[in-house]
C-alpha atoms as a PDB file:
ATOM      1  CA  MET A   1     106.472 108.375 114.174  1.00  0.00           C
ATOM      2  CA  ASN A   2     106.759 111.657 112.191  1.00  0.00           C
ATOM      3  CA  ILE A   3     107.064 111.106 108.417  1.00  0.00           C
ATOM      4  CA  GLY A   4     107.975 114.076 106.135  1.00  0.00           C
ATOM      5  CA  ILE A   5     107.835 113.607 102.261  1.00  0.00           C
ATOM      6  CA  ILE A   6     109.693 116.504 100.138  1.00  0.00           C
ATOM      7  CA  SER A   7     107.717 116.272  96.537  1.00  0.00           C
ATOM      8  CA  GLY A   8     110.948 117.824  94.889  1.00  0.00           C
ATOM      9  CA  SER A   9     109.190 119.136  91.618  1.00  0.00           C
ATOM     10  CA  ALA A  10     107.909 122.984  91.246  1.00  0.00           C
ATOM     11  CA  ARG A  11     106.590 121.980  87.899  1.00  0.00           C
ATOM     12  CA  LYS A  12     102.525 122.548  88.091  1.00  0.00           C
ATOM     13  CA  ASP A  13     100.290 119.214  87.827  1.00  0.00           C
ATOM     14  CA  ASN A  14     103.850 117.171  88.492  1.00  0.00           C
ATOM     15  CA  ASN A  15     104.321 113.379  88.506  1.00  0.00           C
ATOM     16  CA  THR A  16     106.414 113.629  91.468  1.00  0.00           C
ATOM     17  CA  LEU A  17     103.398 114.915  94.134  1.00  0.00           C
ATOM     18  CA  ARG A  18     101.005 111.864  92.334  1.00  0.00           C
ATOM     19  CA  VAL A  19     103.891 109.856  94.355  1.00  0.00           C
ATOM     20  CA  ALA A  20     104.080 111.957  97.337  1.00  0.00           C
ATOM     21  CA  LYS A  21     100.031 111.649  97.863  1.00  0.00           C
ATOM     22  CA  ALA A  22     100.245 107.838  97.578  1.00  0.00           C
ATOM     23  CA  ILE A  23     102.364 107.590 100.379  1.00  0.00           C
ATOM     24  CA  GLY A  24     100.947 110.285 102.114  1.00  0.00           C
ATOM     25  CA  LEU A  25      97.580 107.694 101.708  1.00  0.00           C
ATOM     26  CA  GLU A  26      99.552 104.558 102.784  1.00  0.00           C
ATOM     27  CA  LEU A  27     101.117 106.107 105.989  1.00  0.00           C
ATOM     28  CA  ASN A  28      99.704 107.879 108.864  1.00  0.00           C
ATOM     29  CA  ASN A  29     101.607 111.105 110.159  1.00  0.00           C
ATOM     30  CA  SER A  30     102.638 112.131 107.153  1.00  0.00           C
ATOM     31  CA  ASN A  31     103.119 115.760 105.852  1.00  0.00           C
ATOM     32  CA  ILE A  32     103.822 116.633 102.630  1.00  0.00           C
ATOM     33  CA  VAL A  33     105.977 119.877 101.174  1.00  0.00           C
ATOM     34  CA  ASP A  34     104.829 120.627  97.764  1.00  0.00           C
ATOM     35  CA  PHE A  35     107.727 122.089  95.869  1.00  0.00           C
ATOM     36  CA  GLN A  36     105.134 124.364  93.905  1.00  0.00           C
ATOM     37  CA  GLU A  37     104.874 126.748  96.359  1.00  0.00           C
ATOM     38  CA  TYR A  38     108.798 126.654  96.241  1.00  0.00           C
ATOM     39  CA  ASP A  39     110.609 129.817  96.624  1.00  0.00           C
ATOM     40  CA  LEU A  40     114.132 129.447  98.203  1.00  0.00           C
ATOM     41  CA  PRO A  41     116.872 131.891  96.298  1.00  0.00           C
ATOM     42  CA  SER A  42     119.089 130.329  93.929  1.00  0.00           C
ATOM     43  CA  PHE A  43     122.437 129.935  95.897  1.00  0.00           C
ATOM     44  CA  ALA A  44     123.880 132.895  93.841  1.00  0.00           C
ATOM     45  CA  ASP A  45     121.617 135.086  95.498  1.00  0.00           C
ATOM     46  CA  GLY A  46     121.739 134.566  99.161  1.00  0.00           C
ATOM     47  CA  PHE A  47     120.956 132.198 101.841  1.00  0.00           C
ATOM     48  CA  ILE A  48     117.726 131.431 103.583  1.00  0.00           C
ATOM     49  CA  SER A  49     117.508 133.430 107.244  1.00  0.00           C
ATOM     50  CA  PRO A  50     115.649 132.109 110.311  1.00  0.00           C
ATOM     51  CA  ASP A  51     114.249 135.606 110.880  1.00  0.00           C
ATOM     52  CA  SER A  52     113.333 136.473 107.391  1.00  0.00           C
ATOM     53  CA  GLU A  53     111.881 132.931 106.608  1.00  0.00           C
ATOM     54  CA  THR A  54     108.623 132.314 103.733  1.00  0.00           C
ATOM     55  CA  PRO A  55     105.834 130.807 104.961  1.00  0.00           C
ATOM     56  CA  PHE A  56     107.209 127.517 102.563  1.00  0.00           C
ATOM     57  CA  GLN A  57     110.347 127.894 103.814  1.00  0.00           C
ATOM     58  CA  SER A  58     109.139 127.515 107.408  1.00  0.00           C
ATOM     59  CA  HIS A  59     107.110 124.910 106.677  1.00  0.00           C
ATOM     60  CA  LEU A  60     109.633 123.195 104.620  1.00  0.00           C
ATOM     61  CA  ILE A  61     112.155 123.441 107.701  1.00  0.00           C
ATOM     62  CA  LYS A  62     109.410 122.336 110.211  1.00  0.00           C
ATOM     63  CA  ILE A  63     108.566 119.341 108.096  1.00  0.00           C
ATOM     64  CA  ILE A  64     112.189 117.785 107.945  1.00  0.00           C
ATOM     65  CA  ASN A  65     112.925 119.086 111.531  1.00  0.00           C
ATOM     66  CA  GLU A  66     110.342 117.043 113.102  1.00  0.00           C
ATOM     67  CA  SER A  67     110.511 114.106 110.488  1.00  0.00           C
ATOM     68  CA  ASP A  68     111.522 110.845 111.899  1.00  0.00           C
ATOM     69  CA  LEU A  69     111.508 109.278 108.469  1.00  0.00           C
ATOM     70  CA  LEU A  70     112.531 111.774 105.407  1.00  0.00           C
ATOM     71  CA  LEU A  71     111.181 110.488 102.385  1.00  0.00           C
ATOM     72  CA  VAL A  72     112.617 112.891  99.767  1.00  0.00           C
ATOM     73  CA  LEU A  73     111.270 112.253  96.237  1.00  0.00           C
ATOM     74  CA  THR A  74     113.171 113.806  93.155  1.00  0.00           C
ATOM     75  CA  PRO A  75     111.821 113.734  89.469  1.00  0.00           C
ATOM     76  CA  GLU A  76     115.115 112.737  87.155  1.00  0.00           C
ATOM     77  CA  TYR A  77     116.072 115.275  84.826  1.00  0.00           C
ATOM     78  CA  ASN A  78     118.934 114.103  82.378  1.00  0.00           C
ATOM     79  CA  TRP A  79     119.819 111.851  85.234  1.00  0.00           C
ATOM     80  CA  PHE A  80     120.250 114.416  88.034  1.00  0.00           C
ATOM     81  CA  PRO A  81     117.947 115.340  90.850  1.00  0.00           C
ATOM     82  CA  SER A  82     115.713 118.630  90.212  1.00  0.00           C
ATOM     83  CA  ALA A  83     117.721 121.755  90.475  1.00  0.00           C
ATOM     84  CA  GLU A  84     115.115 122.723  93.198  1.00  0.00           C
ATOM     85  CA  ILE A  85     116.458 119.858  95.553  1.00  0.00           C
ATOM     86  CA  ILE A  86     119.743 120.328  94.510  1.00  0.00           C
ATOM     87  CA  ASN A  87     119.311 123.988  95.714  1.00  0.00           C
ATOM     88  CA  THR A  88     117.310 122.866  98.955  1.00  0.00           C
ATOM     89  CA  ILE A  89     120.412 120.980  99.991  1.00  0.00           C
ATOM     90  CA  HIS A  90     122.695 124.312  99.105  1.00  0.00           C
ATOM     91  CA  GLN A  91     120.580 126.309 101.286  1.00  0.00           C
ATOM     92  CA  LEU A  92     119.798 123.923 104.258  1.00  0.00           C
ATOM     93  CA  ALA A  93     123.016 122.097 104.435  1.00  0.00           C
ATOM     94  CA  GLY A  94     125.212 124.230 106.550  1.00  0.00           C
ATOM     95  CA  PRO A  95     125.830 125.614 110.194  1.00  0.00           C
ATOM     96  CA  THR A  96     122.232 127.745 110.398  1.00  0.00           C
ATOM     97  CA  TYR A  97     119.981 124.558 109.470  1.00  0.00           C
ATOM     98  CA  LYS A  98     122.163 121.322 110.193  1.00  0.00           C
ATOM     99  CA  HIS A  99     120.052 120.442 113.233  1.00  0.00           C
ATOM    100  CA  ILE A 100     117.040 119.424 111.161  1.00  0.00           C
ATOM    101  CA  PHE A 101     118.823 116.804 109.531  1.00  0.00           C
ATOM    102  CA  ASP A 102     119.685 115.343 112.986  1.00  0.00           C
ATOM    103  CA  ASN A 103     118.133 112.085 114.472  1.00  0.00           C
ATOM    104  CA  LYS A 104     116.619 110.489 111.316  1.00  0.00           C
ATOM    105  CA  VAL A 105     116.287 108.156 108.492  1.00  0.00           C
ATOM    106  CA  VAL A 106     116.352 109.392 105.060  1.00  0.00           C
ATOM    107  CA  ALA A 107     114.774 107.708 102.262  1.00  0.00           C
ATOM    108  CA  THR A 108     115.047 108.562  98.703  1.00  0.00           C
ATOM    109  CA  ILE A 109     113.126 108.430  95.418  1.00  0.00           C
ATOM    110  CA  GLY A 110     113.437 108.902  92.183  1.00  0.00           C
ATOM    111  CA  VAL A 111     110.285 109.544  89.545  1.00  0.00           C
ATOM    112  CA  SER A 112     110.157 109.033  86.122  1.00  0.00           C
ATOM    113  CA  VAL A 113     106.896 108.773  83.731  1.00  0.00           C
ATOM    114  CA  GLY A 114     109.460 106.545  81.886  1.00  0.00           C
ATOM    115  CA  ARG A 115     111.621 103.797  83.076  1.00  0.00           C
ATOM    116  CA  GLY A 116     113.874 105.980  84.784  1.00  0.00           C
ATOM    117  CA  GLY A 117     114.552 107.110  88.521  1.00  0.00           C
ATOM    118  CA  ARG A 118     117.699 104.993  89.927  1.00  0.00           C
ATOM    119  CA  MET A 119     120.259 107.843  89.510  1.00  0.00           C
ATOM    120  CA  PRO A 120     118.485 110.548  91.024  1.00  0.00           C
ATOM    121  CA  ALA A 121     118.040 108.582  93.959  1.00  0.00           C
ATOM    122  CA  VAL A 122     121.175 107.271  94.559  1.00  0.00           C
ATOM    123  CA  GLN A 123     122.833 109.990  93.848  1.00  0.00           C
ATOM    124  CA  LEU A 124     120.896 111.862  97.110  1.00  0.00           C
ATOM    125  CA  GLY A 125     121.614 109.008  99.564  1.00  0.00           C
ATOM    126  CA  TYR A 126     125.011 110.043  98.566  1.00  0.00           C
ATOM    127  CA  VAL A 127     124.817 113.910  99.302  1.00  0.00           C
ATOM    128  CA  PHE A 128     122.721 113.041 102.429  1.00  0.00           C
ATOM    129  CA  ASN A 129     125.274 110.318 104.182  1.00  0.00           C
ATOM    130  CA  LYS A 130     128.124 113.403 103.066  1.00  0.00           C
ATOM    131  CA  ILE A 131     125.727 115.532 105.027  1.00  0.00           C
ATOM    132  CA  PHE A 132     125.741 113.495 108.026  1.00  0.00           C
ATOM    133  CA  ASN A 133     129.427 112.674 107.870  1.00  0.00           C
ATOM    134  CA  VAL A 134     130.622 116.269 107.884  1.00  0.00           C
ATOM    135  CA  PHE A 135     128.068 117.496 110.445  1.00  0.00           C
ATOM    136  CA  ASP A 136     128.311 114.371 112.601  1.00  0.00           C
ATOM    137  CA  LEU A 137     124.714 113.778 112.894  1.00  0.00           C
ATOM    138  CA  ASN A 138     123.103 110.795 114.564  1.00  0.00           C
ATOM    139  CA  SER A 139     121.123 109.640 111.214  1.00  0.00           C
ATOM    140  CA  ILE A 140     121.050 107.721 108.591  1.00  0.00           C
ATOM    141  CA  THR A 141     120.200 107.189 104.917  1.00  0.00           C
ATOM    142  CA  SER A 142     117.856 104.080 104.150  1.00  0.00           C
ATOM    143  CA  PRO A 143     120.194 101.564 101.547  1.00  0.00           C
ATOM    144  CA  ARG A 144     117.153 101.083  99.974  1.00  0.00           C
ATOM    145  CA  THR A 145     115.473 103.390  97.252  1.00  0.00           C
ATOM    146  CA  PHE A 146     112.928 103.395  95.065  1.00  0.00           C
ATOM    147  CA  GLU A 147     112.306 103.991  91.202  1.00  0.00           C
ATOM    148  CA  ALA A 148     109.027 104.949  90.884  1.00  0.00           C
ATOM    149  CA  GLN A 149     108.619 104.369  87.100  1.00  0.00           C
ATOM    150  CA  GLU A 150     105.523 104.549  84.538  1.00  0.00           C
ATOM    151  CA  VAL A 151     103.984 106.703  87.189  1.00  0.00           C
ATOM    152  CA  THR A 152     100.755 107.756  84.995  1.00  0.00           C
ATOM    153  CA  ARG A 153     100.191 103.948  84.449  1.00  0.00           C
ATOM    154  CA  CYS A 154     100.324 103.629  88.235  1.00  0.00           C
ATOM    155  CA  ILE A 155      98.961 106.775  90.166  1.00  0.00           C
ATOM    156  CA  ASP A 156      96.153 108.769  89.268  1.00  0.00           C
ATOM    157  CA  ASP A 157      96.193 112.766  89.898  1.00  0.00           C
ATOM    158  CA  GLU A 158      94.921 111.871  93.726  1.00  0.00           C
ATOM    159  CA  GLY A 159      97.574 109.834  94.714  1.00  0.00           C
ATOM    160  CA  ASN A 160      95.510 106.516  94.248  1.00  0.00           C
ATOM    161  CA  LEU A 161      97.616 103.515  93.318  1.00  0.00           C
ATOM    162  CA  LEU A 162      96.180 101.903  89.933  1.00  0.00           C
ATOM    163  CA  ASP A 163      95.857  98.265  89.157  1.00  0.00           C
ATOM    164  CA  ASN A 164      99.654  97.472  88.730  1.00  0.00           C
ATOM    165  CA  ASP A 165     100.367  94.966  90.994  1.00  0.00           C
ATOM    166  CA  MET A 166     104.410  94.911  90.384  1.00  0.00           C
ATOM    167  CA  PHE A 167     104.754  98.398  90.768  1.00  0.00           C
ATOM    168  CA  ASN A 168     101.930  98.415  94.386  1.00  0.00           C
ATOM    169  CA  LYS A 169     104.096  95.901  95.335  1.00  0.00           C
ATOM    170  CA  GLY A 170     107.213  97.037  95.065  1.00  0.00           C
ATOM    171  CA  PHE A 171     106.059 100.654  96.234  1.00  0.00           C
ATOM    172  CA  ARG A 172     104.416  98.918  99.450  1.00  0.00           C
ATOM    173  CA  SER A 173     107.625  96.800  99.846  1.00  0.00           C
ATOM    174  CA  PHE A 174     109.415 100.045  99.772  1.00  0.00           C
ATOM    175  CA  LEU A 175     107.394 101.783 102.114  1.00  0.00           C
ATOM    176  CA  ASP A 176     107.826  98.869 104.903  1.00  0.00           C
ATOM    177  CA  TYR A 177     110.822  98.553 104.409  1.00  0.00           C
ATOM    178  CA  SER A 178     111.695 102.502 105.297  1.00  0.00           C
ATOM    179  CA  LEU A 179     109.445 102.330 108.410  1.00  0.00           C
ATOM    180  CA  LYS A 180     111.392  99.054 110.174  1.00  0.00           C
ATOM    181  CA  VAL A 181     114.678 100.726 109.227  1.00  0.00           C
ATOM    182  CA  ALA A 182     112.868 104.024 110.873  1.00  0.00           C
ATOM    183  CA  LYS A 183     111.455 102.477 113.780  1.00  0.00           C
ATOM    184  CA  ARG A 184     115.060 100.547 114.298  1.00  0.00           C
ATOM    185  CA  TRP A 185     116.977 103.650 114.445  1.00  0.00           C
ATOM    186  CA  GLN A 186     114.553 105.208 117.020  1.00  0.00           C
ATOM    187  CA  LEU A 187     114.800 102.437 119.097  1.00  0.00           C
ATOM    188  CA  SER A 188     118.637 102.817 118.661  1.00  0.00           C
ATOM    189  CA  ASP A 189     118.864 106.249 120.015  1.00  0.00           C
END
């Protein structure tokens, strides 16, 4: 099973990447897209084109397209997903690239240095459900989201889980559940 991990914060040294690295250490066959290299044009500046993709854009599209399970991580900014994640959806969830979202399970994760994370993860689930519906895609969003809270107390810079049994148990439970849903979805295809 191919697992794509979208680390949706463009800030340098962000906490979202810590969580993405931790997922990468836990799961085999996973590939991280680090939004610190993000270069998608704003929605007002035009659209990505298959004949002029940058290396970052090509990598992002390839990882989404090839994943069976796509884990989308976003920091929580004022109870919303990051502007980069929203713009990515605007850029890719259209006729040109809709195929990259077909035949997969999408699981969402909200990241917070404090006690947040729920709202952006839930909002992304709604948006992905709408994409699958509008384009009649054979994909689902996982009904379970994860709130990665107090990240700097739970995961180090390299993605190693720290000594926090409650966080570690919830983190691993979410990943196990996401893998089970993706495996079942593949069997039904």
